[in-house]
PDB file of N, CA and C in Angstrom:
ATOM      1  N   MET A   1      17.434   7.388  -7.675  1.00  0.00           N
ATOM      2  CA  MET A   1      17.427   5.942  -7.733  1.00  0.00           C
ATOM      3  C   MET A   1      18.350   5.388  -6.662  1.00  0.00           C
ATOM      4  N   ALA A   2      18.084   4.202  -6.217  1.00  0.00           N
ATOM      5  CA  ALA A   2      18.799   3.618  -5.082  1.00  0.00           C
ATOM      6  C   ALA A   2      20.300   3.570  -5.299  1.00  0.00           C
ATOM      7  N   GLY A   3      20.771   3.198  -6.479  1.00  0.00           N
ATOM      8  CA  GLY A   3      22.203   3.125  -6.746  1.00  0.00           C
ATOM      9  C   GLY A   3      22.889   4.457  -6.557  1.00  0.00           C
ATOM     10  N   ASP A   4      22.249   5.528  -7.011  1.00  0.00           N
ATOM     11  CA  ASP A   4      22.817   6.866  -6.856  1.00  0.00           C
ATOM     12  C   ASP A   4      22.937   7.253  -5.389  1.00  0.00           C
ATOM     13  N   HIS A   5      21.907   6.932  -4.604  1.00  0.00           N
ATOM     14  CA  HIS A   5      21.926   7.279  -3.186  1.00  0.00           C
ATOM     15  C   HIS A   5      22.992   6.484  -2.435  1.00  0.00           C
ATOM     16  N   LEU A   6      23.100   5.205  -2.747  1.00  0.00           N
ATOM     17  CA  LEU A   6      24.121   4.387  -2.095  1.00  0.00           C
ATOM     18  C   LEU A   6      25.507   4.871  -2.477  1.00  0.00           C
ATOM     19  N   GLU A   7      25.677   5.240  -3.723  1.00  0.00           N
ATOM     20  CA  GLU A   7      26.967   5.760  -4.168  1.00  0.00           C
ATOM     21  C   GLU A   7      27.330   7.023  -3.389  1.00  0.00           C
ATOM     22  N   ALA A   8      26.368   7.920  -3.210  1.00  0.00           N
ATOM     23  CA  ALA A   8      26.624   9.143  -2.446  1.00  0.00           C
ATOM     24  C   ALA A   8      26.931   8.829  -0.987  1.00  0.00           C
ATOM     25  N   ALA A   9      26.215   7.863  -0.409  1.00  0.00           N
ATOM     26  CA  ALA A   9      26.464   7.490   0.985  1.00  0.00           C
ATOM     27  C   ALA A   9      27.858   6.916   1.150  1.00  0.00           C
ATOM     28  N   ILE A  10      28.266   6.061   0.242  1.00  0.00           N
ATOM     29  CA  ILE A  10      29.617   5.484   0.312  1.00  0.00           C
ATOM     30  C   ILE A  10      30.659   6.587   0.223  1.00  0.00           C
ATOM     31  N   GLY A  11      30.438   7.530  -0.672  1.00  0.00           N
ATOM     32  CA  GLY A  11      31.386   8.636  -0.811  1.00  0.00           C
ATOM     33  C   GLY A  11      31.528   9.470   0.452  1.00  0.00           C
ATOM     34  N   ALA A  12      30.452   9.565   1.224  1.00  0.00           N
ATOM     35  CA  ALA A  12      30.461  10.389   2.439  1.00  0.00           C
ATOM     36  C   ALA A  12      30.881   9.623   3.684  1.00  0.00           C
ATOM     37  N   MET A  13      31.068   8.316   3.578  1.00  0.00           N
ATOM     38  CA  MET A  13      31.352   7.491   4.747  1.00  0.00           C
ATOM     39  C   MET A  13      32.753   7.714   5.292  1.00  0.00           C
ATOM     40  N   ARG A  14      32.856   7.582   6.605  1.00  0.00           N
ATOM     41  CA  ARG A  14      34.154   7.557   7.268  1.00  0.00           C
ATOM     42  C   ARG A  14      34.605   6.106   7.381  1.00  0.00           C
ATOM     43  N   ALA A  15      35.852   5.919   7.700  1.00  0.00           N
ATOM     44  CA  ALA A  15      36.363   4.564   7.908  1.00  0.00           C
ATOM     45  C   ALA A  15      35.546   3.862   8.982  1.00  0.00           C
ATOM     46  N   ASP A  16      35.268   2.594   8.759  1.00  0.00           N
ATOM     47  CA  ASP A  16      34.504   1.751   9.682  1.00  0.00           C
ATOM     48  C   ASP A  16      33.048   2.185   9.832  1.00  0.00           C
ATOM     49  N   GLY A  17      32.541   2.955   8.879  1.00  0.00           N
ATOM     50  CA  GLY A  17      31.144   3.377   8.933  1.00  0.00           C
ATOM     51  C   GLY A  17      30.186   2.225   8.670  1.00  0.00           C
ATOM     52  N   ARG A  18      28.900   2.459   8.959  1.00  0.00           N
ATOM     53  CA  ARG A  18      27.867   1.444   8.745  1.00  0.00           C
ATOM     54  C   ARG A  18      26.745   2.046   7.904  1.00  0.00           C
ATOM     55  N   ILE A  19      26.274   1.289   6.941  1.00  0.00           N
ATOM     56  CA  ILE A  19      25.167   1.715   6.089  1.00  0.00           C
ATOM     57  C   ILE A  19      24.044   0.704   6.251  1.00  0.00           C
ATOM     58  N   ALA A  20      22.865   1.189   6.631  1.00  0.00           N
ATOM     59  CA  ALA A  20      21.678   0.329   6.699  1.00  0.00           C
ATOM     60  C   ALA A  20      21.024   0.351   5.322  1.00  0.00           C
ATOM     61  N   MET A  21      20.917  -0.795   4.719  1.00  0.00           N
ATOM     62  CA  MET A  21      20.341  -0.899   3.377  1.00  0.00           C
ATOM     63  C   MET A  21      18.848  -1.210   3.511  1.00  0.00           C
ATOM     64  N   VAL A  22      18.014  -0.207   3.222  1.00  0.00           N
ATOM     65  CA  VAL A  22      16.568  -0.346   3.352  1.00  0.00           C
ATOM     66  C   VAL A  22      15.896   0.211   2.102  1.00  0.00           C
ATOM     67  N   GLY A  23      14.642  -0.147   1.910  1.00  0.00           N
ATOM     68  CA  GLY A  23      13.837   0.473   0.876  1.00  0.00           C
ATOM     69  C   GLY A  23      14.160   0.037  -0.528  1.00  0.00           C
ATOM     70  N   ALA A  24      14.418   0.997  -1.381  1.00  0.00           N
ATOM     71  CA  ALA A  24      14.664   0.808  -2.805  1.00  0.00           C
ATOM     72  C   ALA A  24      13.369   0.587  -3.574  1.00  0.00           C
ATOM     73  N   ILE A  25      12.269   1.199  -3.091  1.00  0.00           N
ATOM     74  CA  ILE A  25      10.984   1.038  -3.751  1.00  0.00           C
ATOM     75  C   ILE A  25      11.033   1.505  -5.208  1.00  0.00           C
ATOM     76  N   SER A  26      11.916   2.439  -5.502  1.00  0.00           N
ATOM     77  CA  SER A  26      11.994   2.936  -6.878  1.00  0.00           C
ATOM     78  C   SER A  26      12.463   1.861  -7.846  1.00  0.00           C
ATOM     79  N   THR A  27      12.992   0.754  -7.331  1.00  0.00           N
ATOM     80  CA  THR A  27      13.490  -0.311  -8.202  1.00  0.00           C
ATOM     81  C   THR A  27      12.558  -1.513  -8.266  1.00  0.00           C
ATOM     82  N   TYR A  28      11.443  -1.492  -7.543  1.00  0.00           N
ATOM     83  CA  TYR A  28      10.571  -2.660  -7.453  1.00  0.00           C
ATOM     84  C   TYR A  28      10.070  -3.142  -8.815  1.00  0.00           C
ATOM     85  N   ASN A  29       9.763  -2.230  -9.702  1.00  0.00           N
ATOM     86  CA  ASN A  29       9.204  -2.607 -10.999  1.00  0.00           C
ATOM     87  C   ASN A  29      10.197  -2.436 -12.140  1.00  0.00           C
ATOM     88  N   ALA A  30      11.461  -2.457 -11.818  1.00  0.00           N
ATOM     89  CA  ALA A  30      12.487  -2.278 -12.854  1.00  0.00           C
ATOM     90  C   ALA A  30      12.408  -3.415 -13.873  1.00  0.00           C
ATOM     91  N   THR A  31      12.513  -3.062 -15.124  1.00  0.00           N
ATOM     92  CA  THR A  31      12.483  -4.064 -16.191  1.00  0.00           C
ATOM     93  C   THR A  31      13.876  -4.397 -16.691  1.00  0.00           C
ATOM     94  N   GLU A  32      14.862  -3.647 -16.227  1.00  0.00           N
ATOM     95  CA  GLU A  32      16.252  -3.893 -16.583  1.00  0.00           C
ATOM     96  C   GLU A  32      17.083  -3.867 -15.304  1.00  0.00           C
ATOM     97  N   PRO A  33      18.293  -4.366 -15.348  1.00  0.00           N
ATOM     98  CA  PRO A  33      19.137  -4.301 -14.151  1.00  0.00           C
ATOM     99  C   PRO A  33      19.265  -2.862 -13.652  1.00  0.00           C
ATOM    100  N   VAL A  34      19.188  -2.719 -12.351  1.00  0.00           N
ATOM    101  CA  VAL A  34      19.268  -1.395 -11.731  1.00  0.00           C
ATOM    102  C   VAL A  34      20.725  -1.007 -11.583  1.00  0.00           C
ATOM    103  N   PRO A  35      21.076   0.227 -11.973  1.00  0.00           N
ATOM    104  CA  PRO A  35      22.479   0.631 -11.831  1.00  0.00           C
ATOM    105  C   PRO A  35      22.890   0.645 -10.365  1.00  0.00           C
ATOM    106  N   GLY A  36      24.064   0.149 -10.110  1.00  0.00           N
ATOM    107  CA  GLY A  36      24.583   0.121  -8.751  1.00  0.00           C
ATOM    108  C   GLY A  36      25.640   1.189  -8.569  1.00  0.00           C
ATOM    109  N   PRO A  37      26.155   1.296  -7.372  1.00  0.00           N
ATOM    110  CA  PRO A  37      27.202   2.289  -7.132  1.00  0.00           C
ATOM    111  C   PRO A  37      28.494   1.913  -7.853  1.00  0.00           C
ATOM    112  N   ARG A  38      29.151   2.913  -8.378  1.00  0.00           N
ATOM    113  CA  ARG A  38      30.423   2.689  -9.086  1.00  0.00           C
ATOM    114  C   ARG A  38      31.594   2.675  -8.125  1.00  0.00           C
ATOM    115  N   ASN A  39      31.332   2.992  -6.852  1.00  0.00           N
ATOM    116  CA  ASN A  39      32.438   3.142  -5.905  1.00  0.00           C
ATOM    117  C   ASN A  39      32.423   2.079  -4.801  1.00  0.00           C
ATOM    118  N   LEU A  40      32.005   0.860  -5.121  1.00  0.00           N
ATOM    119  CA  LEU A  40      32.007  -0.197  -4.114  1.00  0.00           C
ATOM    120  C   LEU A  40      33.411  -0.467  -3.576  1.00  0.00           C
ATOM    121  N   PHE A  41      34.421  -0.273  -4.401  1.00  0.00           N
ATOM    122  CA  PHE A  41      35.788  -0.455  -3.899  1.00  0.00           C
ATOM    123  C   PHE A  41      36.062   0.514  -2.752  1.00  0.00           C
ATOM    124  N   ASP A  42      35.521   1.725  -2.828  1.00  0.00           N
ATOM    125  CA  ASP A  42      35.712   2.690  -1.738  1.00  0.00           C
ATOM    126  C   ASP A  42      35.124   2.156  -0.436  1.00  0.00           C
ATOM    127  N   ALA A  43      33.986   1.472  -0.526  1.00  0.00           N
ATOM    128  CA  ALA A  43      33.387   0.878   0.679  1.00  0.00           C
ATOM    129  C   ALA A  43      34.337  -0.147   1.279  1.00  0.00           C
ATOM    130  N   ALA A  44      34.958  -0.946   0.428  1.00  0.00           N
ATOM    131  CA  ALA A  44      35.918  -1.937   0.921  1.00  0.00           C
ATOM    132  C   ALA A  44      37.145  -1.247   1.514  1.00  0.00           C
ATOM    133  N   ALA A  45      37.649  -0.238   0.834  1.00  0.00           N
ATOM    134  CA  ALA A  45      38.848   0.454   1.305  1.00  0.00           C
ATOM    135  C   ALA A  45      38.601   1.162   2.642  1.00  0.00           C
ATOM    136  N   LYS A  46      37.375   1.650   2.850  1.00  0.00           N
ATOM    137  CA  LYS A  46      37.027   2.315   4.108  1.00  0.00           C
ATOM    138  C   LYS A  46      36.557   1.324   5.172  1.00  0.00           C
ATOM    139  N   GLU A  47      36.519   0.042   4.791  1.00  0.00           N
ATOM    140  CA  GLU A  47      36.034  -1.012   5.682  1.00  0.00           C
ATOM    141  C   GLU A  47      34.633  -0.705   6.196  1.00  0.00           C
ATOM    142  N   VAL A  48      33.786  -0.271   5.283  1.00  0.00           N
ATOM    143  CA  VAL A  48      32.393   0.058   5.590  1.00  0.00           C
ATOM    144  C   VAL A  48      31.565  -1.223   5.662  1.00  0.00           C
ATOM    145  N   THR A  49      30.615  -1.259   6.565  1.00  0.00           N
ATOM    146  CA  THR A  49      29.684  -2.368   6.672  1.00  0.00           C
ATOM    147  C   THR A  49      28.376  -1.988   5.994  1.00  0.00           C
ATOM    148  N   LEU A  50      27.923  -2.801   5.051  1.00  0.00           N
ATOM    149  CA  LEU A  50      26.623  -2.622   4.410  1.00  0.00           C
ATOM    150  C   LEU A  50      25.733  -3.754   4.901  1.00  0.00           C
ATOM    151  N   ARG A  51      24.632  -3.424   5.543  1.00  0.00           N
ATOM    152  CA  ARG A  51      23.768  -4.458   6.111  1.00  0.00           C
ATOM    153  C   ARG A  51      22.316  -4.152   5.806  1.00  0.00           C
ATOM    154  N   GLY A  52      21.639  -5.167   5.312  1.00  0.00           N
ATOM    155  CA  GLY A  52      20.223  -5.025   5.047  1.00  0.00           C
ATOM    156  C   GLY A  52      19.417  -4.963   6.336  1.00  0.00           C
ATOM    157  N   MET A  53      18.243  -4.327   6.264  1.00  0.00           N
ATOM    158  CA  MET A  53      17.362  -4.226   7.422  1.00  0.00           C
ATOM    159  C   MET A  53      15.932  -4.273   6.925  1.00  0.00           C
ATOM    160  N   VAL A  54      15.155  -5.197   7.468  1.00  0.00           N
ATOM    161  CA  VAL A  54      13.744  -5.325   7.129  1.00  0.00           C
ATOM    162  C   VAL A  54      12.954  -5.069   8.405  1.00  0.00           C
ATOM    163  N   VAL A  55      12.056  -4.097   8.360  1.00  0.00           N
ATOM    164  CA  VAL A  55      11.339  -3.689   9.568  1.00  0.00           C
ATOM    165  C   VAL A  55      10.554  -4.839  10.192  1.00  0.00           C
ATOM    166  N   SER A  56      10.061  -5.763   9.384  1.00  0.00           N
ATOM    167  CA  SER A  56       9.270  -6.868   9.936  1.00  0.00           C
ATOM    168  C   SER A  56      10.111  -7.813  10.804  1.00  0.00           C
ATOM    169  N   SER A  57      11.414  -7.707  10.737  1.00  0.00           N
ATOM    170  CA  SER A  57      12.276  -8.510  11.612  1.00  0.00           C
ATOM    171  C   SER A  57      12.352  -7.932  13.019  1.00  0.00           C
ATOM    172  N   HIS A  58      11.759  -6.769  13.228  1.00  0.00           N
ATOM    173  CA  HIS A  58      11.874  -6.078  14.512  1.00  0.00           C
ATOM    174  C   HIS A  58      10.508  -5.672  15.072  1.00  0.00           C
ATOM    175  N   LEU A  59       9.458  -6.413  14.717  1.00  0.00           N
ATOM    176  CA  LEU A  59       8.110  -6.067  15.178  1.00  0.00           C
ATOM    177  C   LEU A  59       7.975  -6.144  16.694  1.00  0.00           C
ATOM    178  N   ASP A  60       8.818  -6.918  17.345  1.00  0.00           N
ATOM    179  CA  ASP A  60       8.777  -6.995  18.802  1.00  0.00           C
ATOM    180  C   ASP A  60       9.096  -5.653  19.458  1.00  0.00           C
ATOM    181  N   LEU A  61       9.775  -4.769  18.740  1.00  0.00           N
ATOM    182  CA  LEU A  61      10.136  -3.451  19.270  1.00  0.00           C
ATOM    183  C   LEU A  61       9.094  -2.379  18.974  1.00  0.00           C
ATOM    184  N   PHE A  62       8.034  -2.737  18.252  1.00  0.00           N
ATOM    185  CA  PHE A  62       7.040  -1.747  17.835  1.00  0.00           C
ATOM    186  C   PHE A  62       6.368  -1.041  19.015  1.00  0.00           C
ATOM    187  N   PRO A  63       5.930  -1.739  20.061  1.00  0.00           N
ATOM    188  CA  PRO A  63       5.322  -1.027  21.194  1.00  0.00           C
ATOM    189  C   PRO A  63       6.270  -0.001  21.824  1.00  0.00           C
ATOM    190  N   GLU A  64       7.536  -0.349  21.941  1.00  0.00           N
ATOM    191  CA  GLU A  64       8.519   0.595  22.492  1.00  0.00           C
ATOM    192  C   GLU A  64       8.663   1.808  21.571  1.00  0.00           C
ATOM    193  N   TRP A  65       8.680   1.564  20.267  1.00  0.00           N
ATOM    194  CA  TRP A  65       8.804   2.648  19.296  1.00  0.00           C
ATOM    195  C   TRP A  65       7.619   3.608  19.405  1.00  0.00           C
ATOM    196  N   ILE A  66       6.411   3.067  19.481  1.00  0.00           N
ATOM    197  CA  ILE A  66       5.214   3.911  19.595  1.00  0.00           C
ATOM    198  C   ILE A  66       5.272   4.735  20.878  1.00  0.00           C
ATOM    199  N   ALA A  67       5.667   4.107  21.977  1.00  0.00           N
ATOM    200  CA  ALA A  67       5.749   4.819  23.256  1.00  0.00           C
ATOM    201  C   ALA A  67       6.746   5.980  23.190  1.00  0.00           C
ATOM    202  N   ASN A  68       7.828   5.799  22.457  1.00  0.00           N
ATOM    203  CA  ASN A  68       8.827   6.865  22.310  1.00  0.00           C
ATOM    204  C   ASN A  68       8.436   7.889  21.258  1.00  0.00           C
ATOM    205  N   ALA A  69       7.986   7.413  20.107  1.00  0.00           N
ATOM    206  CA  ALA A  69       7.770   8.301  18.963  1.00  0.00           C
ATOM    207  C   ALA A  69       6.544   9.196  19.112  1.00  0.00           C
ATOM    208  N   ALA A  70       5.479   8.709  19.727  1.00  0.00           N
ATOM    209  CA  ALA A  70       4.252   9.520  19.840  1.00  0.00           C
ATOM    210  C   ALA A  70       4.509  10.850  20.551  1.00  0.00           C
ATOM    211  N   PRO A  71       5.182  10.860  21.703  1.00  0.00           N
ATOM    212  CA  PRO A  71       5.477  12.153  22.330  1.00  0.00           C
ATOM    213  C   PRO A  71       6.415  13.018  21.500  1.00  0.00           C
ATOM    214  N   TRP A  72       7.362  12.399  20.813  1.00  0.00           N
ATOM    215  CA  TRP A  72       8.288  13.175  19.976  1.00  0.00           C
ATOM    216  C   TRP A  72       7.544  13.849  18.829  1.00  0.00           C
ATOM    217  N   LEU A  73       6.608  13.135  18.221  1.00  0.00           N
ATOM    218  CA  LEU A  73       5.795  13.743  17.164  1.00  0.00           C
ATOM    219  C   LEU A  73       4.962  14.890  17.725  1.00  0.00           C
ATOM    220  N   ALA A  74       4.376  14.672  18.899  1.00  0.00           N
ATOM    221  CA  ALA A  74       3.515  15.689  19.512  1.00  0.00           C
ATOM    222  C   ALA A  74       4.286  16.950  19.870  1.00  0.00           C
ATOM    223  N   ASP A  75       5.520  16.817  20.378  1.00  0.00           N
ATOM    224  CA  ASP A  75       6.262  18.012  20.801  1.00  0.00           C
ATOM    225  C   ASP A  75       7.157  18.586  19.698  1.00  0.00           C
ATOM    226  N   GLY A  76       7.184  17.934  18.530  1.00  0.00           N
ATOM    227  CA  GLY A  76       7.955  18.466  17.411  1.00  0.00           C
ATOM    228  C   GLY A  76       9.398  18.013  17.363  1.00  0.00           C
ATOM    229  N   THR A  77       9.830  17.189  18.321  1.00  0.00           N
ATOM    230  CA  THR A  77      11.191  16.666  18.306  1.00  0.00           C
ATOM    231  C   THR A  77      11.417  15.792  17.077  1.00  0.00           C
ATOM    232  N   LEU A  78      10.426  14.970  16.758  1.00  0.00           N
ATOM    233  CA  LEU A  78      10.481  14.113  15.577  1.00  0.00           C
ATOM    234  C   LEU A  78       9.606  14.747  14.514  1.00  0.00           C
ATOM    235  N   ARG A  79      10.219  15.041  13.390  1.00  0.00           N
ATOM    236  CA  ARG A  79       9.479  15.670  12.290  1.00  0.00           C
ATOM    237  C   ARG A  79       9.414  14.706  11.115  1.00  0.00           C
ATOM    238  N   THR A  80       8.331  14.770  10.407  1.00  0.00           N
ATOM    239  CA  THR A  80       8.196  13.947   9.216  1.00  0.00           C
ATOM    240  C   THR A  80       7.975  14.857   8.019  1.00  0.00           C
ATOM    241  N   GLU A  81       8.362  14.370   6.871  1.00  0.00           N
ATOM    242  CA  GLU A  81       8.099  15.099   5.641  1.00  0.00           C
ATOM    243  C   GLU A  81       7.127  14.285   4.811  1.00  0.00           C
ATOM    244  N   THR A  82       6.278  14.976   4.103  1.00  0.00           N
ATOM    245  CA  THR A  82       5.289  14.300   3.269  1.00  0.00           C
ATOM    246  C   THR A  82       5.179  15.003   1.923  1.00  0.00           C
ATOM    247  N   THR A  83       4.744  14.247   0.950  1.00  0.00           N
ATOM    248  CA  THR A  83       4.364  14.791  -0.346  1.00  0.00           C
ATOM    249  C   THR A  83       2.861  14.588  -0.435  1.00  0.00           C
ATOM    250  N   VAL A  84       2.130  15.656  -0.710  1.00  0.00           N
ATOM    251  CA  VAL A  84       0.676  15.593  -0.736  1.00  0.00           C
ATOM    252  C   VAL A  84       0.182  15.850  -2.157  1.00  0.00           C
ATOM    253  N   VAL A  85      -0.650  14.948  -2.628  1.00  0.00           N
ATOM    254  CA  VAL A  85      -1.313  15.099  -3.925  1.00  0.00           C
ATOM    255  C   VAL A  85      -2.781  15.369  -3.633  1.00  0.00           C
ATOM    256  N   GLU A  86      -3.339  16.352  -4.301  1.00  0.00           N
ATOM    257  CA  GLU A  86      -4.729  16.752  -4.065  1.00  0.00           C
ATOM    258  C   GLU A  86      -5.694  15.966  -4.943  1.00  0.00           C
ATOM    259  N   SER A  87      -6.726  15.407  -4.345  1.00  0.00           N
ATOM    260  CA  SER A  87      -7.900  14.785  -4.964  1.00  0.00           C
ATOM    261  C   SER A  87      -7.684  13.319  -5.334  1.00  0.00           C
ATOM    262  N   ILE A  88      -8.747  12.568  -5.160  1.00  0.00           N
ATOM    263  CA  ILE A  88      -8.726  11.129  -5.430  1.00  0.00           C
ATOM    264  C   ILE A  88      -8.428  10.837  -6.901  1.00  0.00           C
ATOM    265  N   GLU A  89      -8.771  11.756  -7.776  1.00  0.00           N
ATOM    266  CA  GLU A  89      -8.505  11.555  -9.199  1.00  0.00           C
ATOM    267  C   GLU A  89      -7.015  11.459  -9.499  1.00  0.00           C
ATOM    268  N   ARG A  90      -6.202  12.049  -8.646  1.00  0.00           N
ATOM    269  CA  ARG A  90      -4.742  12.017  -8.858  1.00  0.00           C
ATOM    270  C   ARG A  90      -4.056  10.894  -8.093  1.00  0.00           C
ATOM    271  N   ALA A  91      -4.841  10.015  -7.440  1.00  0.00           N
ATOM    272  CA  ALA A  91      -4.267   8.904  -6.680  1.00  0.00           C
ATOM    273  C   ALA A  91      -3.388   7.994  -7.547  1.00  0.00           C
ATOM    274  N   PRO A  92      -3.813   7.654  -8.780  1.00  0.00           N
ATOM    275  CA  PRO A  92      -2.916   6.832  -9.612  1.00  0.00           C
ATOM    276  C   PRO A  92      -1.570   7.518  -9.872  1.00  0.00           C
ATOM    277  N   ASP A  93      -1.602   8.828 -10.087  1.00  0.00           N
ATOM    278  CA  ASP A  93      -0.344   9.564 -10.281  1.00  0.00           C
ATOM    279  C   ASP A  93       0.519   9.502  -9.017  1.00  0.00           C
ATOM    280  N   ALA A  94      -0.126   9.570  -7.848  1.00  0.00           N
ATOM    281  CA  ALA A  94       0.617   9.501  -6.585  1.00  0.00           C
ATOM    282  C   ALA A  94       1.302   8.145  -6.446  1.00  0.00           C
ATOM    283  N   LEU A  95       0.580   7.077  -6.756  1.00  0.00           N
ATOM    284  CA  LEU A  95       1.175   5.741  -6.668  1.00  0.00           C
ATOM    285  C   LEU A  95       2.350   5.608  -7.622  1.00  0.00           C
ATOM    286  N   LEU A  96       2.176   6.055  -8.845  1.00  0.00           N
ATOM    287  CA  LEU A  96       3.275   5.993  -9.805  1.00  0.00           C
ATOM    288  C   LEU A  96       4.446   6.845  -9.344  1.00  0.00           C
ATOM    289  N   GLY A  97       4.157   7.972  -8.707  1.00  0.00           N
ATOM    290  CA  GLY A  97       5.213   8.828  -8.171  1.00  0.00           C
ATOM    291  C   GLY A  97       6.027   8.124  -7.098  1.00  0.00           C
ATOM    292  N   VAL A  98       5.349   7.358  -6.232  1.00  0.00           N
ATOM    293  CA  VAL A  98       6.063   6.589  -5.207  1.00  0.00           C
ATOM    294  C   VAL A  98       6.998   5.592  -5.871  1.00  0.00           C
ATOM    295  N   LEU A  99       6.520   4.910  -6.885  1.00  0.00           N
ATOM    296  CA  LEU A  99       7.339   3.901  -7.558  1.00  0.00           C
ATOM    297  C   LEU A  99       8.516   4.518  -8.303  1.00  0.00           C
ATOM    298  N   ARG A 100       8.392   5.783  -8.698  1.00  0.00           N
ATOM    299  CA  ARG A 100       9.488   6.482  -9.376  1.00  0.00           C
ATOM    300  C   ARG A 100      10.407   7.204  -8.398  1.00  0.00           C
ATOM    301  N   GLY A 101      10.005   7.253  -7.118  1.00  0.00           N
ATOM    302  CA  GLY A 101      10.806   7.974  -6.132  1.00  0.00           C
ATOM    303  C   GLY A 101      10.582   9.468  -6.179  1.00  0.00           C
ATOM    304  N   ALA A 102       9.409   9.907  -6.629  1.00  0.00           N
ATOM    305  CA  ALA A 102       9.125  11.331  -6.782  1.00  0.00           C
ATOM    306  C   ALA A 102       8.697  12.003  -5.481  1.00  0.00           C
ATOM    307  N   ASN A 103       8.496  11.237  -4.424  1.00  0.00           N
ATOM    308  CA  ASN A 103       8.004  11.808  -3.179  1.00  0.00           C
ATOM    309  C   ASN A 103       9.128  12.017  -2.173  1.00  0.00           C
ATOM    310  N   THR A 104       8.848  12.893  -1.207  1.00  0.00           N
ATOM    311  CA  THR A 104       9.700  13.068  -0.045  1.00  0.00           C
ATOM    312  C   THR A 104       8.886  12.581   1.143  1.00  0.00           C
ATOM    313  N   GLY A 105       9.388  11.622   1.875  1.00  0.00           N
ATOM    314  CA  GLY A 105       8.620  11.058   2.988  1.00  0.00           C
ATOM    315  C   GLY A 105       7.431  10.270   2.479  1.00  0.00           C
ATOM    316  N   LYS A 106       6.366  10.292   3.253  1.00  0.00           N
ATOM    317  CA  LYS A 106       5.149   9.575   2.871  1.00  0.00           C
ATOM    318  C   LYS A 106       4.453  10.296   1.730  1.00  0.00           C
ATOM    319  N   MET A 107       3.880   9.534   0.825  1.00  0.00           N
ATOM    320  CA  MET A 107       3.042  10.092  -0.239  1.00  0.00           C
ATOM    321  C   MET A 107       1.604  10.010   0.264  1.00  0.00           C
ATOM    322  N   LEU A 108       0.947  11.141   0.323  1.00  0.00           N
ATOM    323  CA  LEU A 108      -0.433  11.211   0.788  1.00  0.00           C
ATOM    324  C   LEU A 108      -1.333  11.729  -0.318  1.00  0.00           C
ATOM    325  N   VAL A 109      -2.559  11.233  -0.342  1.00  0.00           N
ATOM    326  CA  VAL A 109      -3.578  11.748  -1.249  1.00  0.00           C
ATOM    327  C   VAL A 109      -4.632  12.399  -0.373  1.00  0.00           C
ATOM    328  N   ARG A 110      -4.806  13.705  -0.527  1.00  0.00           N
ATOM    329  CA  ARG A 110      -5.793  14.438   0.262  1.00  0.00           C
ATOM    330  C   ARG A 110      -7.135  14.362  -0.443  1.00  0.00           C
ATOM    331  N   LEU A 111      -8.113  13.852   0.263  1.00  0.00           N
ATOM    332  CA  LEU A 111      -9.462  13.730  -0.278  1.00  0.00           C
ATOM    333  C   LEU A 111     -10.239  14.999   0.003  1.00  0.00           C
ATOM    334  N   GLY A 112     -11.230  15.286  -0.826  1.00  0.00           N
ATOM    335  CA  GLY A 112     -12.068  16.456  -0.591  1.00  0.00           C
ATOM    336  C   GLY A 112     -11.537  17.686  -1.296  1.00  0.00           C
ATOM    337  N   GLU A 113     -11.996  18.817  -0.826  1.00  0.00           N
ATOM    338  CA  GLU A 113     -11.629  20.097  -1.444  1.00  0.00           C
ATOM    339  C   GLU A 113     -10.172  20.445  -1.191  1.00  0.00           C
ATOM    340  N   PRO A 114      -9.467  20.906  -2.239  1.00  0.00           N
ATOM    341  CA  PRO A 114      -8.062  21.319  -2.051  1.00  0.00           C
ATOM    342  C   PRO A 114      -7.971  22.454  -1.045  1.00  0.00           C
ATOM    343  N   ARG A 115      -6.865  22.484  -0.310  1.00  0.00           N
ATOM    344  CA  ARG A 115      -6.648  23.552   0.681  1.00  0.00           C
ATOM    345  C   ARG A 115      -5.810  24.647   0.099  1.00  0.00           C
TER     346      ARG A 115
END
């Protein structure tokens, strides 16, 4: 859950560190308050900066990103991780898994015969 991850990041931060606050999809459908980090004072004591980041605020950089990332993906410099669920029948489970944070990287549903 997002609070646990932020808590771990704060614990690992050096003085004057920066944390980009993104995502938190696992909390989108929360019906109760989401637990937060218990060590926010540590962030203050380390003078850590916590700043939100929304990708849509940087769409002007997308062409540059594609130009850089495509060769990195092709040569293996940039690696991605995915969680793959087999068959369209399990697509609802895959979606629920994304909302629970059960995936690593992108959640994919492979159509057709299992490999």
